[in-house]
């Protein structure tokens, strides 16, 4: 993954992301060391993001969809 400034943002309607072609599950490490399962979005202009509580992410491991 290229070097980008990754942010953890709240989703307004999380169910919309479950079927989105731009979303993938990921393991995310936050600044305080917590590891959480989250969604990684490749779309950079989504209206479903709430930036008011954005915080940086330290590391992200995106799970691949290569089950086919």
PDB file of N, CA and C in Angstrom:
ATOM      1  N   UNK A   1       0.858  -1.189   0.000  1.00  0.00           N
ATOM      2  CA  UNK A   1       0.000   0.000   0.000  1.00  0.00           C
ATOM      3  C   UNK A   1       0.893   1.237   0.000  1.00  0.00           C
ATOM      4  N   UNK A   2       0.580   2.195  -0.800  1.00  0.00           N
ATOM      5  CA  UNK A   2       1.392   3.399  -0.872  1.00  0.00           C
ATOM      6  C   UNK A   2       1.252   4.208   0.418  1.00  0.00           C
ATOM      7  N   UNK A   3       2.218   5.072   0.648  1.00  0.00           N
ATOM      8  CA  UNK A   3       2.197   5.897   1.863  1.00  0.00           C
ATOM      9  C   UNK A   3       1.132   6.969   1.724  1.00  0.00           C
ATOM     10  N   UNK A   4       0.111   6.868   2.567  1.00  0.00           N
ATOM     11  CA  UNK A   4      -0.967   7.846   2.594  1.00  0.00           C
ATOM     12  C   UNK A   4      -1.246   8.197   4.028  1.00  0.00           C
ATOM     13  N   UNK A   5      -1.897   9.296   4.229  1.00  0.00           N
ATOM     14  CA  UNK A   5      -2.333   9.659   5.565  1.00  0.00           C
ATOM     15  C   UNK A   5      -3.674   8.978   5.805  1.00  0.00           C
ATOM     16  N   UNK A   6      -3.652   7.902   6.571  1.00  0.00           N
ATOM     17  CA  UNK A   6      -4.866   7.141   6.844  1.00  0.00           C
ATOM     18  C   UNK A   6      -5.597   7.731   8.040  1.00  0.00           C
ATOM     19  N   UNK A   7      -6.916   7.782   7.935  1.00  0.00           N
ATOM     20  CA  UNK A   7      -7.759   8.308   9.009  1.00  0.00           C
ATOM     21  C   UNK A   7      -8.849   7.323   9.354  1.00  0.00           C
ATOM     22  N   UNK A   8      -9.193   7.264  10.623  1.00  0.00           N
ATOM     23  CA  UNK A   8     -10.337   6.490  11.081  1.00  0.00           C
ATOM     24  C   UNK A   8     -11.487   7.480  11.220  1.00  0.00           C
ATOM     25  N   UNK A   9     -12.560   7.250  10.467  1.00  0.00           N
ATOM     26  CA  UNK A   9     -13.723   8.135  10.510  1.00  0.00           C
ATOM     27  C   UNK A   9     -14.962   7.311  10.851  1.00  0.00           C
ATOM     28  N   UNK A  10     -15.957   7.980  11.405  1.00  0.00           N
ATOM     29  CA  UNK A  10     -17.224   7.323  11.716  1.00  0.00           C
ATOM     30  C   UNK A  10     -18.058   7.259  10.447  1.00  0.00           C
ATOM     31  N   UNK A  11     -18.770   6.142  10.274  1.00  0.00           N
ATOM     32  CA  UNK A  11     -19.662   5.997   9.127  1.00  0.00           C
ATOM     33  C   UNK A  11     -21.061   6.429   9.526  1.00  0.00           C
ATOM     34  N   UNK A  12     -21.704   7.219   8.699  1.00  0.00           N
ATOM     35  CA  UNK A  12     -23.051   7.697   8.993  1.00  0.00           C
ATOM     36  C   UNK A  12     -24.041   6.545   8.893  1.00  0.00           C
ATOM     37  N   UNK A  13     -23.978   5.773   7.810  1.00  0.00           N
ATOM     38  CA  UNK A  13     -24.830   4.594   7.602  1.00  0.00           C
ATOM     39  C   UNK A  13     -23.924   3.402   7.271  1.00  0.00           C
ATOM     40  N   UNK A  14     -23.426   2.687   8.284  1.00  0.00           N
ATOM     41  CA  UNK A  14     -22.473   1.591   8.036  1.00  0.00           C
ATOM     42  C   UNK A  14     -22.999   0.495   7.111  1.00  0.00           C
ATOM     43  N   UNK A  15     -24.289   0.228   7.133  1.00  0.00           N
ATOM     44  CA  UNK A  15     -24.848  -0.832   6.282  1.00  0.00           C
ATOM     45  C   UNK A  15     -24.648  -0.550   4.793  1.00  0.00           C
ATOM     46  N   UNK A  16     -24.573   0.705   4.414  1.00  0.00           N
ATOM     47  CA  UNK A  16     -24.350   1.047   3.010  1.00  0.00           C
ATOM     48  C   UNK A  16     -22.984   0.552   2.527  1.00  0.00           C
ATOM     49  N   UNK A  17     -22.017   0.506   3.413  1.00  0.00           N
ATOM     50  CA  UNK A  17     -20.655   0.125   3.042  1.00  0.00           C
ATOM     51  C   UNK A  17     -20.485  -1.383   2.879  1.00  0.00           C
ATOM     52  N   UNK A  18     -21.353  -2.161   3.477  1.00  0.00           N
ATOM     53  CA  UNK A  18     -21.198  -3.613   3.440  1.00  0.00           C
ATOM     54  C   UNK A  18     -21.292  -4.175   2.027  1.00  0.00           C
ATOM     55  N   UNK A  19     -22.049  -3.550   1.154  1.00  0.00           N
ATOM     56  CA  UNK A  19     -22.196  -4.013  -0.224  1.00  0.00           C
ATOM     57  C   UNK A  19     -21.468  -3.130  -1.237  1.00  0.00           C
ATOM     58  N   UNK A  20     -20.756  -2.140  -0.758  1.00  0.00           N
ATOM     59  CA  UNK A  20     -20.072  -1.202  -1.648  1.00  0.00           C
ATOM     60  C   UNK A  20     -18.849  -1.857  -2.285  1.00  0.00           C
ATOM     61  N   UNK A  21     -18.665  -1.630  -3.581  1.00  0.00           N
ATOM     62  CA  UNK A  21     -17.529  -2.232  -4.286  1.00  0.00           C
ATOM     63  C   UNK A  21     -16.196  -1.597  -3.904  1.00  0.00           C
ATOM     64  N   UNK A  22     -16.209  -0.457  -3.249  1.00  0.00           N
ATOM     65  CA  UNK A  22     -14.979   0.223  -2.845  1.00  0.00           C
ATOM     66  C   UNK A  22     -14.516  -0.183  -1.442  1.00  0.00           C
ATOM     67  N   UNK A  23     -15.342  -0.900  -0.681  1.00  0.00           N
ATOM     68  CA  UNK A  23     -15.038  -1.230   0.716  1.00  0.00           C
ATOM     69  C   UNK A  23     -14.473  -2.634   0.862  1.00  0.00           C
ATOM     70  N   UNK A  24     -13.485  -2.770   1.746  1.00  0.00           N
ATOM     71  CA  UNK A  24     -12.903  -4.053   2.097  1.00  0.00           C
ATOM     72  C   UNK A  24     -12.719  -4.093   3.607  1.00  0.00           C
ATOM     73  N   UNK A  25     -12.785  -5.283   4.200  1.00  0.00           N
ATOM     74  CA  UNK A  25     -12.515  -5.407   5.622  1.00  0.00           C
ATOM     75  C   UNK A  25     -11.019  -5.255   5.856  1.00  0.00           C
ATOM     76  N   UNK A  26     -10.678  -4.683   7.013  1.00  0.00           N
ATOM     77  CA  UNK A  26      -9.270  -4.465   7.342  1.00  0.00           C
ATOM     78  C   UNK A  26      -9.073  -4.533   8.844  1.00  0.00           C
ATOM     79  N   UNK A  27      -7.856  -4.897   9.248  1.00  0.00           N
ATOM     80  CA  UNK A  27      -7.442  -4.810  10.641  1.00  0.00           C
ATOM     81  C   UNK A  27      -6.675  -3.505  10.762  1.00  0.00           C
ATOM     82  N   UNK A  28      -7.125  -2.634  11.671  1.00  0.00           N
ATOM     83  CA  UNK A  28      -6.564  -1.288  11.784  1.00  0.00           C
ATOM     84  C   UNK A  28      -5.995  -1.081  13.181  1.00  0.00           C
ATOM     85  N   UNK A  29      -4.765  -0.543  13.243  1.00  0.00           N
ATOM     86  CA  UNK A  29      -4.152  -0.172  14.515  1.00  0.00           C
ATOM     87  C   UNK A  29      -4.265   1.337  14.678  1.00  0.00           C
ATOM     88  N   UNK A  30      -4.852   1.762  15.795  1.00  0.00           N
ATOM     89  CA  UNK A  30      -5.006   3.194  16.066  1.00  0.00           C
ATOM     90  C   UNK A  30      -3.794   3.715  16.835  1.00  0.00           C
ATOM     91  N   UNK A  31      -3.720   5.009  17.022  1.00  0.00           N
ATOM     92  CA  UNK A  31      -2.585   5.653  17.675  1.00  0.00           C
ATOM     93  C   UNK A  31      -2.370   5.121  19.093  1.00  0.00           C
ATOM     94  N   UNK A  32      -3.451   4.779  19.780  1.00  0.00           N
ATOM     95  CA  UNK A  32      -3.312   4.287  21.159  1.00  0.00           C
ATOM     96  C   UNK A  32      -3.006   2.787  21.236  1.00  0.00           C
ATOM     97  N   UNK A  33      -2.731   2.140  20.083  1.00  0.00           N
ATOM     98  CA  UNK A  33      -2.308   0.750  20.054  1.00  0.00           C
ATOM     99  C   UNK A  33      -3.426  -0.271  19.922  1.00  0.00           C
ATOM    100  N   UNK A  34      -4.673   0.164  19.874  1.00  0.00           N
ATOM    101  CA  UNK A  34      -5.795  -0.769  19.731  1.00  0.00           C
ATOM    102  C   UNK A  34      -5.837  -1.317  18.311  1.00  0.00           C
ATOM    103  N   UNK A  35      -6.168  -2.602  18.185  1.00  0.00           N
ATOM    104  CA  UNK A  35      -6.400  -3.236  16.887  1.00  0.00           C
ATOM    105  C   UNK A  35      -7.895  -3.487  16.769  1.00  0.00           C
ATOM    106  N   UNK A  36      -8.485  -3.061  15.644  1.00  0.00           N
ATOM    107  CA  UNK A  36      -9.913  -3.232  15.430  1.00  0.00           C
ATOM    108  C   UNK A  36     -10.169  -3.659  14.000  1.00  0.00           C
ATOM    109  N   UNK A  37     -11.252  -4.418  13.803  1.00  0.00           N
ATOM    110  CA  UNK A  37     -11.738  -4.727  12.452  1.00  0.00           C
ATOM    111  C   UNK A  37     -12.552  -3.526  11.996  1.00  0.00           C
ATOM    112  N   UNK A  38     -12.227  -3.031  10.818  1.00  0.00           N
ATOM    113  CA  UNK A  38     -12.925  -1.876  10.269  1.00  0.00           C
ATOM    114  C   UNK A  38     -13.080  -2.079   8.770  1.00  0.00           C
ATOM    115  N   UNK A  39     -13.677  -1.106   8.121  1.00  0.00           N
ATOM    116  CA  UNK A  39     -13.780  -1.106   6.669  1.00  0.00           C
ATOM    117  C   UNK A  39     -12.740  -0.146   6.108  1.00  0.00           C
ATOM    118  N   UNK A  40     -12.066  -0.594   5.060  1.00  0.00           N
ATOM    119  CA  UNK A  40     -11.143   0.256   4.331  1.00  0.00           C
ATOM    120  C   UNK A  40     -11.842   0.658   3.040  1.00  0.00           C
ATOM    121  N   UNK A  41     -11.901   1.948   2.770  1.00  0.00           N
ATOM    122  CA  UNK A  41     -12.610   2.444   1.594  1.00  0.00           C
ATOM    123  C   UNK A  41     -11.612   3.022   0.596  1.00  0.00           C
ATOM    124  N   UNK A  42     -11.701   2.557  -0.643  1.00  0.00           N
ATOM    125  CA  UNK A  42     -10.827   3.074  -1.702  1.00  0.00           C
ATOM    126  C   UNK A  42     -11.407   4.324  -2.352  1.00  0.00           C
ATOM    127  N   UNK A  43     -12.649   4.640  -2.041  1.00  0.00           N
ATOM    128  CA  UNK A  43     -13.275   5.834  -2.604  1.00  0.00           C
ATOM    129  C   UNK A  43     -12.914   7.020  -1.717  1.00  0.00           C
ATOM    130  N   UNK A  44     -12.372   8.052  -2.285  1.00  0.00           N
ATOM    131  CA  UNK A  44     -11.872   9.172  -1.482  1.00  0.00           C
ATOM    132  C   UNK A  44     -12.868  10.315  -1.327  1.00  0.00           C
ATOM    133  N   UNK A  45     -14.065  10.182  -1.895  1.00  0.00           N
ATOM    134  CA  UNK A  45     -15.033  11.279  -1.820  1.00  0.00           C
ATOM    135  C   UNK A  45     -16.412  10.800  -1.367  1.00  0.00           C
ATOM    136  N   UNK A  46     -16.459   9.872  -0.441  1.00  0.00           N
ATOM    137  CA  UNK A  46     -17.717   9.273  -0.005  1.00  0.00           C
ATOM    138  C   UNK A  46     -18.508  10.235   0.886  1.00  0.00           C
ATOM    139  N   UNK A  47     -19.816  10.304   0.652  1.00  0.00           N
ATOM    140  CA  UNK A  47     -20.693  11.156   1.463  1.00  0.00           C
ATOM    141  C   UNK A  47     -21.110  10.479   2.758  1.00  0.00           C
ATOM    142  N   UNK A  48     -20.698   9.246   2.980  1.00  0.00           N
ATOM    143  CA  UNK A  48     -21.103   8.485   4.157  1.00  0.00           C
ATOM    144  C   UNK A  48     -20.096   8.617   5.312  1.00  0.00           C
ATOM    145  N   UNK A  49     -19.132   9.486   5.192  1.00  0.00           N
ATOM    146  CA  UNK A  49     -18.122   9.663   6.230  1.00  0.00           C
ATOM    147  C   UNK A  49     -18.437  10.871   7.097  1.00  0.00           C
ATOM    148  N   UNK A  50     -18.229  10.721   8.404  1.00  0.00           N
ATOM    149  CA  UNK A  50     -18.362  11.821   9.361  1.00  0.00           C
ATOM    150  C   UNK A  50     -16.952  12.169   9.842  1.00  0.00           C
ATOM    151  N   UNK A  51     -16.406  13.254   9.346  1.00  0.00           N
ATOM    152  CA  UNK A  51     -15.032  13.653   9.663  1.00  0.00           C
ATOM    153  C   UNK A  51     -14.876  14.297  11.037  1.00  0.00           C
ATOM    154  N   UNK A  52     -15.973  14.612  11.723  1.00  0.00           N
ATOM    155  CA  UNK A  52     -15.879  15.348  12.987  1.00  0.00           C
ATOM    156  C   UNK A  52     -15.088  14.599  14.059  1.00  0.00           C
ATOM    157  N   UNK A  53     -15.039  13.277  13.990  1.00  0.00           N
ATOM    158  CA  UNK A  53     -14.303  12.511  14.996  1.00  0.00           C
ATOM    159  C   UNK A  53     -13.104  11.783  14.391  1.00  0.00           C
ATOM    160  N   UNK A  54     -12.570  12.272  13.284  1.00  0.00           N
ATOM    161  CA  UNK A  54     -11.459  11.605  12.592  1.00  0.00           C
ATOM    162  C   UNK A  54     -10.213  11.544  13.466  1.00  0.00           C
ATOM    163  N   UNK A  55      -9.541  10.398  13.420  1.00  0.00           N
ATOM    164  CA  UNK A  55      -8.276  10.240  14.121  1.00  0.00           C
ATOM    165  C   UNK A  55      -7.322   9.460  13.210  1.00  0.00           C
ATOM    166  N   UNK A  56      -6.035   9.645  13.398  1.00  0.00           N
ATOM    167  CA  UNK A  56      -5.080   8.954  12.516  1.00  0.00           C
ATOM    168  C   UNK A  56      -5.032   7.454  12.784  1.00  0.00           C
ATOM    169  N   UNK A  57      -4.694   6.695  11.771  1.00  0.00           N
ATOM    170  CA  UNK A  57      -4.460   5.258  11.894  1.00  0.00           C
ATOM    171  C   UNK A  57      -2.965   5.017  11.734  1.00  0.00           C
ATOM    172  N   UNK A  58      -2.425   4.122  12.535  1.00  0.00           N
ATOM    173  CA  UNK A  58      -1.000   3.830  12.493  1.00  0.00           C
ATOM    174  C   UNK A  58      -0.694   2.799  11.412  1.00  0.00           C
ATOM    175  N   UNK A  59      -1.489   1.717  11.364  1.00  0.00           N
ATOM    176  CA  UNK A  59      -1.233   0.629  10.430  1.00  0.00           C
ATOM    177  C   UNK A  59      -2.547   0.019  10.007  1.00  0.00           C
ATOM    178  N   UNK A  60      -2.599  -0.459   8.774  1.00  0.00           N
ATOM    179  CA  UNK A  60      -3.801  -1.097   8.257  1.00  0.00           C
ATOM    180  C   UNK A  60      -3.402  -2.310   7.421  1.00  0.00           C
ATOM    181  N   UNK A  61      -4.089  -3.420   7.673  1.00  0.00           N
ATOM    182  CA  UNK A  61      -3.902  -4.648   6.896  1.00  0.00           C
ATOM    183  C   UNK A  61      -5.225  -4.956   6.220  1.00  0.00           C
ATOM    184  N   UNK A  62      -5.306  -4.708   4.922  1.00  0.00           N
ATOM    185  CA  UNK A  62      -6.538  -4.930   4.158  1.00  0.00           C
ATOM    186  C   UNK A  62      -6.621  -6.400   3.779  1.00  0.00           C
ATOM    187  N   UNK A  63      -7.787  -6.998   4.028  1.00  0.00           N
ATOM    188  CA  UNK A  63      -8.003  -8.399   3.676  1.00  0.00           C
ATOM    189  C   UNK A  63      -8.392  -8.494   2.213  1.00  0.00           C
ATOM    190  N   UNK A  64      -7.770  -9.420   1.492  1.00  0.00           N
ATOM    191  CA  UNK A  64      -8.074  -9.564   0.072  1.00  0.00           C
ATOM    192  C   UNK A  64      -9.326 -10.407  -0.135  1.00  0.00           C
ATOM    193  N   UNK A  65      -9.985 -10.196  -1.264  1.00  0.00           N
ATOM    194  CA  UNK A  65     -11.210 -10.919  -1.619  1.00  0.00           C
ATOM    195  C   UNK A  65     -10.912 -12.021  -2.631  1.00  0.00           C
ATOM    196  N   UNK A  66      -9.770 -12.664  -2.552  1.00  0.00           N
ATOM    197  CA  UNK A  66      -9.351 -13.650  -3.531  1.00  0.00           C
ATOM    198  C   UNK A  66      -9.869 -15.046  -3.189  1.00  0.00           C
ATOM    199  N   UNK A  67     -11.166 -15.183  -2.964  1.00  0.00           N
ATOM    200  CA  UNK A  67     -11.758 -16.470  -2.615  1.00  0.00           C
ATOM    201  C   UNK A  67     -12.256 -17.206  -3.854  1.00  0.00           C
ATOM    202  N   UNK A  68     -12.280 -16.561  -5.002  1.00  0.00           N
ATOM    203  CA  UNK A  68     -12.826 -17.172  -6.217  1.00  0.00           C
ATOM    204  C   UNK A  68     -11.844 -18.042  -6.924  1.00  0.00           C
TER     205      UNK A  68
END
